[in-house]
Amino acid sequence: MEKLDRITVNPNVCLGQPTIRGMRITVSVILKMLASDKSVAEILEAYPELEAEDVQQAIKYAAWVVSDQIQIVPSA
């Protein structure tokens, strides 16, 4: 797996949710903005302290979390 050095988890910041570089900007906020058709440029405008690589790592983190989920499908 690629290094995700911009994603931090600290129980004392945002209730332990994954954040960007320890700031109070959560990965979920970025993902929700992307899901609402916001562009990376719009996200960076809304949060000038972010960098484009922060957004990319948020996406990579989400893909990693989802790929790690195991779903048990009952047999018929």
PDB file of N, CA and C in Angstrom:
ATOM      1  N   MET A   1       0.838  -1.185   0.000  1.00  0.00           N
ATOM      2  CA  MET A   1       0.000   0.000   0.000  1.00  0.00           C
ATOM      3  C   MET A   1       0.880   1.244   0.000  1.00  0.00           C
ATOM      4  N   GLU A   2       0.436   2.218  -0.724  1.00  0.00           N
ATOM      5  CA  GLU A   2       1.142   3.494  -0.793  1.00  0.00           C
ATOM      6  C   GLU A   2       1.089   4.209   0.557  1.00  0.00           C
ATOM      7  N   LYS A   3       2.152   4.906   0.868  1.00  0.00           N
ATOM      8  CA  LYS A   3       2.229   5.624   2.143  1.00  0.00           C
ATOM      9  C   LYS A   3       1.206   6.759   2.180  1.00  0.00           C
ATOM     10  N   LEU A   4       0.440   6.809   3.260  1.00  0.00           N
ATOM     11  CA  LEU A   4      -0.551   7.871   3.448  1.00  0.00           C
ATOM     12  C   LEU A   4      -0.081   8.756   4.597  1.00  0.00           C
ATOM     13  N   ASP A   5       0.941   9.535   4.333  1.00  0.00           N
ATOM     14  CA  ASP A   5       1.572  10.320   5.393  1.00  0.00           C
ATOM     15  C   ASP A   5       0.833  11.605   5.743  1.00  0.00           C
ATOM     16  N   ARG A   6      -0.224  11.921   5.030  1.00  0.00           N
ATOM     17  CA  ARG A   6      -0.996  13.126   5.324  1.00  0.00           C
ATOM     18  C   ARG A   6      -2.266  12.827   6.117  1.00  0.00           C
ATOM     19  N   ILE A   7      -2.582  11.563   6.274  1.00  0.00           N
ATOM     20  CA  ILE A   7      -3.774  11.160   7.014  1.00  0.00           C
ATOM     21  C   ILE A   7      -3.347  10.834   8.445  1.00  0.00           C
ATOM     22  N   THR A   8      -3.973  11.489   9.404  1.00  0.00           N
ATOM     23  CA  THR A   8      -3.630  11.270  10.805  1.00  0.00           C
ATOM     24  C   THR A   8      -4.879  10.916  11.594  1.00  0.00           C
ATOM     25  N   VAL A   9      -4.674  10.098  12.609  1.00  0.00           N
ATOM     26  CA  VAL A   9      -5.763   9.733  13.517  1.00  0.00           C
ATOM     27  C   VAL A   9      -5.260   9.994  14.934  1.00  0.00           C
ATOM     28  N   ASN A  10      -5.956  10.892  15.606  1.00  0.00           N
ATOM     29  CA  ASN A  10      -5.590  11.261  16.968  1.00  0.00           C
ATOM     30  C   ASN A  10      -6.879  11.298  17.784  1.00  0.00           C
ATOM     31  N   PRO A  11      -6.967  10.509  18.846  1.00  0.00           N
ATOM     32  CA  PRO A  11      -8.203  10.484  19.629  1.00  0.00           C
ATOM     33  C   PRO A  11      -8.589  11.842  20.214  1.00  0.00           C
ATOM     34  N   ASN A  12      -7.648  12.773  20.276  1.00  0.00           N
ATOM     35  CA  ASN A  12      -7.928  14.098  20.829  1.00  0.00           C
ATOM     36  C   ASN A  12      -8.300  15.133  19.763  1.00  0.00           C
ATOM     37  N   VAL A  13      -8.339  14.713  18.505  1.00  0.00           N
ATOM     38  CA  VAL A  13      -8.690  15.632  17.415  1.00  0.00           C
ATOM     39  C   VAL A  13      -9.888  15.052  16.672  1.00  0.00           C
ATOM     40  N   CYS A  14     -10.961  15.791  16.601  1.00  0.00           N
ATOM     41  CA  CYS A  14     -12.184  15.392  15.883  1.00  0.00           C
ATOM     42  C   CYS A  14     -12.668  13.999  16.289  1.00  0.00           C
ATOM     43  N   LEU A  15     -12.623  13.736  17.586  1.00  0.00           N
ATOM     44  CA  LEU A  15     -13.109  12.468  18.137  1.00  0.00           C
ATOM     45  C   LEU A  15     -12.433  11.246  17.523  1.00  0.00           C
ATOM     46  N   GLY A  16     -11.194  11.414  17.082  1.00  0.00           N
ATOM     47  CA  GLY A  16     -10.448  10.297  16.532  1.00  0.00           C
ATOM     48  C   GLY A  16     -10.723   9.979  15.079  1.00  0.00           C
ATOM     49  N   GLN A  17     -11.511  10.807  14.411  1.00  0.00           N
ATOM     50  CA  GLN A  17     -11.761  10.588  12.992  1.00  0.00           C
ATOM     51  C   GLN A  17     -10.479  10.876  12.207  1.00  0.00           C
ATOM     52  N   PRO A  18     -10.292  10.216  11.064  1.00  0.00           N
ATOM     53  CA  PRO A  18      -9.121  10.509  10.235  1.00  0.00           C
ATOM     54  C   PRO A  18      -9.182  11.964   9.748  1.00  0.00           C
ATOM     55  N   THR A  19      -8.078  12.665   9.942  1.00  0.00           N
ATOM     56  CA  THR A  19      -7.995  14.061   9.522  1.00  0.00           C
ATOM     57  C   THR A  19      -6.797  14.251   8.599  1.00  0.00           C
ATOM     58  N   ILE A  20      -6.730  15.425   8.030  1.00  0.00           N
ATOM     59  CA  ILE A  20      -5.617  15.780   7.161  1.00  0.00           C
ATOM     60  C   ILE A  20      -4.551  16.488   7.990  1.00  0.00           C
ATOM     61  N   ARG A  21      -3.380  15.889   8.053  1.00  0.00           N
ATOM     62  CA  ARG A  21      -2.202  16.465   8.708  1.00  0.00           C
ATOM     63  C   ARG A  21      -2.492  17.017  10.103  1.00  0.00           C
ATOM     64  N   GLY A  22      -3.379  16.356  10.838  1.00  0.00           N
ATOM     65  CA  GLY A  22      -3.658  16.765  12.210  1.00  0.00           C
ATOM     66  C   GLY A  22      -4.540  17.987  12.334  1.00  0.00           C
ATOM     67  N   MET A  23      -4.948  18.551  11.197  1.00  0.00           N
ATOM     68  CA  MET A  23      -5.855  19.705  11.236  1.00  0.00           C
ATOM     69  C   MET A  23      -7.263  19.204  11.533  1.00  0.00           C
ATOM     70  N   ARG A  24      -8.127  20.100  11.818  1.00  0.00           N
ATOM     71  CA  ARG A  24      -9.514  19.724  12.108  1.00  0.00           C
ATOM     72  C   ARG A  24     -10.351  19.676  10.831  1.00  0.00           C
ATOM     73  N   ILE A  25      -9.746  19.144   9.797  1.00  0.00           N
ATOM     74  CA  ILE A  25     -10.438  18.895   8.527  1.00  0.00           C
ATOM     75  C   ILE A  25     -10.416  17.391   8.338  1.00  0.00           C
ATOM     76  N   THR A  26     -11.601  16.791   8.388  1.00  0.00           N
ATOM     77  CA  THR A  26     -11.669  15.333   8.330  1.00  0.00           C
ATOM     78  C   THR A  26     -11.676  14.831   6.883  1.00  0.00           C
ATOM     79  N   VAL A  27     -11.233  13.599   6.754  1.00  0.00           N
ATOM     80  CA  VAL A  27     -11.285  12.933   5.450  1.00  0.00           C
ATOM     81  C   VAL A  27     -12.732  12.904   4.967  1.00  0.00           C
ATOM     82  N   SER A  28     -13.660  12.666   5.871  1.00  0.00           N
ATOM     83  CA  SER A  28     -15.071  12.575   5.474  1.00  0.00           C
ATOM     84  C   SER A  28     -15.599  13.895   4.912  1.00  0.00           C
ATOM     85  N   VAL A  29     -15.143  15.019   5.433  1.00  0.00           N
ATOM     86  CA  VAL A  29     -15.572  16.318   4.887  1.00  0.00           C
ATOM     87  C   VAL A  29     -15.132  16.446   3.435  1.00  0.00           C
ATOM     88  N   ILE A  30     -13.896  16.064   3.164  1.00  0.00           N
ATOM     89  CA  ILE A  30     -13.387  16.140   1.795  1.00  0.00           C
ATOM     90  C   ILE A  30     -14.166  15.201   0.886  1.00  0.00           C
ATOM     91  N   LEU A  31     -14.400  13.981   1.343  1.00  0.00           N
ATOM     92  CA  LEU A  31     -15.128  13.014   0.522  1.00  0.00           C
ATOM     93  C   LEU A  31     -16.563  13.456   0.259  1.00  0.00           C
ATOM     94  N   LYS A  32     -17.201  14.031   1.263  1.00  0.00           N
ATOM     95  CA  LYS A  32     -18.571  14.523   1.071  1.00  0.00           C
ATOM     96  C   LYS A  32     -18.605  15.670   0.069  1.00  0.00           C
ATOM     97  N   MET A  33     -17.598  16.511   0.090  1.00  0.00           N
ATOM     98  CA  MET A  33     -17.542  17.603  -0.884  1.00  0.00           C
ATOM     99  C   MET A  33     -17.362  17.048  -2.298  1.00  0.00           C
ATOM    100  N   LEU A  34     -16.474  16.063  -2.443  1.00  0.00           N
ATOM    101  CA  LEU A  34     -16.284  15.435  -3.752  1.00  0.00           C
ATOM    102  C   LEU A  34     -17.561  14.751  -4.216  1.00  0.00           C
ATOM    103  N   ALA A  35     -18.254  14.097  -3.297  1.00  0.00           N
ATOM    104  CA  ALA A  35     -19.505  13.415  -3.633  1.00  0.00           C
ATOM    105  C   ALA A  35     -20.601  14.397  -4.025  1.00  0.00           C
ATOM    106  N   SER A  36     -20.461  15.643  -3.575  1.00  0.00           N
ATOM    107  CA  SER A  36     -21.431  16.693  -3.920  1.00  0.00           C
ATOM    108  C   SER A  36     -21.002  17.454  -5.169  1.00  0.00           C
ATOM    109  N   ASP A  37     -20.120  16.828  -5.946  1.00  0.00           N
ATOM    110  CA  ASP A  37     -19.644  17.380  -7.220  1.00  0.00           C
ATOM    111  C   ASP A  37     -18.772  18.623  -7.084  1.00  0.00           C
ATOM    112  N   LYS A  38     -18.154  18.803  -5.922  1.00  0.00           N
ATOM    113  CA  LYS A  38     -17.183  19.892  -5.782  1.00  0.00           C
ATOM    114  C   LYS A  38     -15.879  19.438  -6.426  1.00  0.00           C
ATOM    115  N   SER A  39     -15.217  20.356  -7.088  1.00  0.00           N
ATOM    116  CA  SER A  39     -13.929  20.032  -7.699  1.00  0.00           C
ATOM    117  C   SER A  39     -12.829  20.168  -6.654  1.00  0.00           C
ATOM    118  N   VAL A  40     -11.675  19.629  -6.974  1.00  0.00           N
ATOM    119  CA  VAL A  40     -10.528  19.784  -6.081  1.00  0.00           C
ATOM    120  C   VAL A  40     -10.236  21.270  -5.896  1.00  0.00           C
ATOM    121  N   ALA A  41     -10.333  22.033  -6.956  1.00  0.00           N
ATOM    122  CA  ALA A  41     -10.086  23.479  -6.864  1.00  0.00           C
ATOM    123  C   ALA A  41     -11.067  24.148  -5.905  1.00  0.00           C
ATOM    124  N   GLU A  42     -12.322  23.740  -5.937  1.00  0.00           N
ATOM    125  CA  GLU A  42     -13.314  24.310  -5.028  1.00  0.00           C
ATOM    126  C   GLU A  42     -13.030  23.929  -3.575  1.00  0.00           C
ATOM    127  N   ILE A  43     -12.567  22.704  -3.370  1.00  0.00           N
ATOM    128  CA  ILE A  43     -12.218  22.272  -2.010  1.00  0.00           C
ATOM    129  C   ILE A  43     -11.038  23.085  -1.502  1.00  0.00           C
ATOM    130  N   LEU A  44     -10.035  23.265  -2.346  1.00  0.00           N
ATOM    131  CA  LEU A  44      -8.859  24.036  -1.951  1.00  0.00           C
ATOM    132  C   LEU A  44      -9.210  25.500  -1.708  1.00  0.00           C
ATOM    133  N   GLU A  45     -10.181  26.006  -2.425  1.00  0.00           N
ATOM    134  CA  GLU A  45     -10.637  27.384  -2.201  1.00  0.00           C
ATOM    135  C   GLU A  45     -11.365  27.492  -0.864  1.00  0.00           C
ATOM    136  N   ALA A  46     -12.174  26.474  -0.547  1.00  0.00           N
ATOM    137  CA  ALA A  46     -12.922  26.481   0.720  1.00  0.00           C
ATOM    138  C   ALA A  46     -11.995  26.275   1.922  1.00  0.00           C
ATOM    139  N   TYR A  47     -10.931  25.520   1.714  1.00  0.00           N
ATOM    140  CA  TYR A  47      -9.966  25.220   2.778  1.00  0.00           C
ATOM    141  C   TYR A  47      -8.558  25.539   2.264  1.00  0.00           C
ATOM    142  N   PRO A  48      -8.166  26.806   2.284  1.00  0.00           N
ATOM    143  CA  PRO A  48      -6.877  27.193   1.701  1.00  0.00           C
ATOM    144  C   PRO A  48      -5.661  26.550   2.369  1.00  0.00           C
ATOM    145  N   GLU A  49      -5.836  26.018   3.568  1.00  0.00           N
ATOM    146  CA  GLU A  49      -4.710  25.358   4.230  1.00  0.00           C
ATOM    147  C   GLU A  49      -4.431  23.968   3.659  1.00  0.00           C
ATOM    148  N   LEU A  50      -5.347  23.451   2.841  1.00  0.00           N
ATOM    149  CA  LEU A  50      -5.154  22.153   2.198  1.00  0.00           C
ATOM    150  C   LEU A  50      -4.315  22.297   0.936  1.00  0.00           C
ATOM    151  N   GLU A  51      -3.742  21.171   0.533  1.00  0.00           N
ATOM    152  CA  GLU A  51      -3.009  21.074  -0.724  1.00  0.00           C
ATOM    153  C   GLU A  51      -3.660  19.972  -1.555  1.00  0.00           C
ATOM    154  N   ALA A  52      -3.438  19.994  -2.847  1.00  0.00           N
ATOM    155  CA  ALA A  52      -4.047  19.005  -3.739  1.00  0.00           C
ATOM    156  C   ALA A  52      -3.705  17.581  -3.306  1.00  0.00           C
ATOM    157  N   GLU A  53      -2.495  17.351  -2.836  1.00  0.00           N
ATOM    158  CA  GLU A  53      -2.101  16.011  -2.392  1.00  0.00           C
ATOM    159  C   GLU A  53      -2.919  15.558  -1.182  1.00  0.00           C
ATOM    160  N   ASP A  54      -3.376  16.501  -0.361  1.00  0.00           N
ATOM    161  CA  ASP A  54      -4.238  16.148   0.771  1.00  0.00           C
ATOM    162  C   ASP A  54      -5.527  15.512   0.268  1.00  0.00           C
ATOM    163  N   VAL A  55      -6.105  16.101  -0.753  1.00  0.00           N
ATOM    164  CA  VAL A  55      -7.358  15.584  -1.321  1.00  0.00           C
ATOM    165  C   VAL A  55      -7.113  14.206  -1.929  1.00  0.00           C
ATOM    166  N   GLN A  56      -6.014  14.060  -2.657  1.00  0.00           N
ATOM    167  CA  GLN A  56      -5.694  12.773  -3.271  1.00  0.00           C
ATOM    168  C   GLN A  56      -5.509  11.682  -2.217  1.00  0.00           C
ATOM    169  N   GLN A  57      -4.833  12.019  -1.136  1.00  0.00           N
ATOM    170  CA  GLN A  57      -4.644  11.011  -0.093  1.00  0.00           C
ATOM    171  C   GLN A  57      -5.942  10.681   0.628  1.00  0.00           C
ATOM    172  N   ALA A  58      -6.855  11.637   0.732  1.00  0.00           N
ATOM    173  CA  ALA A  58      -8.169  11.348   1.321  1.00  0.00           C
ATOM    174  C   ALA A  58      -8.899  10.313   0.470  1.00  0.00           C
ATOM    175  N   ILE A  59      -8.815  10.461  -0.838  1.00  0.00           N
ATOM    176  CA  ILE A  59      -9.448   9.496  -1.752  1.00  0.00           C
ATOM    177  C   ILE A  59      -8.778   8.128  -1.613  1.00  0.00           C
ATOM    178  N   LYS A  60      -7.457   8.106  -1.588  1.00  0.00           N
ATOM    179  CA  LYS A  60      -6.729   6.843  -1.455  1.00  0.00           C
ATOM    180  C   LYS A  60      -7.041   6.169  -0.121  1.00  0.00           C
ATOM    181  N   TYR A  61      -7.145   6.956   0.928  1.00  0.00           N
ATOM    182  CA  TYR A  61      -7.482   6.410   2.245  1.00  0.00           C
ATOM    183  C   TYR A  61      -8.865   5.762   2.202  1.00  0.00           C
ATOM    184  N   ALA A  62      -9.823   6.444   1.599  1.00  0.00           N
ATOM    185  CA  ALA A  62     -11.185   5.908   1.511  1.00  0.00           C
ATOM    186  C   ALA A  62     -11.198   4.603   0.720  1.00  0.00           C
ATOM    187  N   ALA A  63     -10.455   4.551  -0.372  1.00  0.00           N
ATOM    188  CA  ALA A  63     -10.389   3.325  -1.170  1.00  0.00           C
ATOM    189  C   ALA A  63      -9.781   2.191  -0.355  1.00  0.00           C
ATOM    190  N   TRP A  64      -8.756   2.492   0.432  1.00  0.00           N
ATOM    191  CA  TRP A  64      -8.120   1.481   1.268  1.00  0.00           C
ATOM    192  C   TRP A  64      -9.087   0.971   2.332  1.00  0.00           C
ATOM    193  N   VAL A  65      -9.811   1.874   2.976  1.00  0.00           N
ATOM    194  CA  VAL A  65     -10.755   1.474   4.024  1.00  0.00           C
ATOM    195  C   VAL A  65     -11.852   0.592   3.441  1.00  0.00           C
ATOM    196  N   VAL A  66     -12.392   0.976   2.318  1.00  0.00           N
ATOM    197  CA  VAL A  66     -13.477   0.211   1.706  1.00  0.00           C
ATOM    198  C   VAL A  66     -12.985  -1.154   1.235  1.00  0.00           C
ATOM    199  N   SER A  67     -11.782  -1.215   0.695  1.00  0.00           N
ATOM    200  CA  SER A  67     -11.269  -2.490   0.196  1.00  0.00           C
ATOM    201  C   SER A  67     -10.969  -3.461   1.324  1.00  0.00           C
ATOM    202  N   ASP A  68     -10.836  -2.950   2.521  1.00  0.00           N
ATOM    203  CA  ASP A  68     -10.523  -3.787   3.672  1.00  0.00           C
ATOM    204  C   ASP A  68     -11.778  -4.370   4.328  1.00  0.00           C
ATOM    205  N   GLN A  69     -12.944  -4.010   3.818  1.00  0.00           N
ATOM    206  CA  GLN A  69     -14.202  -4.485   4.381  1.00  0.00           C
ATOM    207  C   GLN A  69     -14.544  -5.855   3.823  1.00  0.00           C
ATOM    208  N   ILE A  70     -14.969  -6.735   4.670  1.00  0.00           N
ATOM    209  CA  ILE A  70     -15.394  -8.072   4.249  1.00  0.00           C
ATOM    210  C   ILE A  70     -16.896  -8.183   4.470  1.00  0.00           C
ATOM    211  N   GLN A  71     -17.596  -8.564   3.440  1.00  0.00           N
ATOM    212  CA  GLN A  71     -19.040  -8.724   3.534  1.00  0.00           C
ATOM    213  C   GLN A  71     -19.368 -10.212   3.484  1.00  0.00           C
ATOM    214  N   ILE A  72     -20.119 -10.674   4.444  1.00  0.00           N
ATOM    215  CA  ILE A  72     -20.575 -12.064   4.470  1.00  0.00           C
ATOM    216  C   ILE A  72     -21.923 -12.128   3.774  1.00  0.00           C
ATOM    217  N   VAL A  73     -21.959 -12.898   2.709  1.00  0.00           N
ATOM    218  CA  VAL A  73     -23.189 -13.055   1.953  1.00  0.00           C
ATOM    219  C   VAL A  73     -23.745 -14.434   2.279  1.00  0.00           C
ATOM    220  N   PRO A  74     -24.950 -14.461   2.860  1.00  0.00           N
ATOM    221  CA  PRO A  74     -25.520 -15.780   3.203  1.00  0.00           C
ATOM    222  C   PRO A  74     -25.800 -16.588   1.952  1.00  0.00           C
ATOM    223  N   SER A  75     -25.552 -17.893   2.031  1.00  0.00           N
ATOM    224  CA  SER A  75     -25.834 -18.755   0.878  1.00  0.00           C
ATOM    225  C   SER A  75     -27.324 -19.044   0.824  1.00  0.00           C
ATOM    226  N   ALA A  76     -27.786 -19.257  -0.367  1.00  0.00           N
ATOM    227  CA  ALA A  76     -29.229 -19.490  -0.568  1.00  0.00           C
ATOM    228  C   ALA A  76     -29.652 -20.868  -0.179  1.00  0.00           C
TER     229      ALA A  76
END
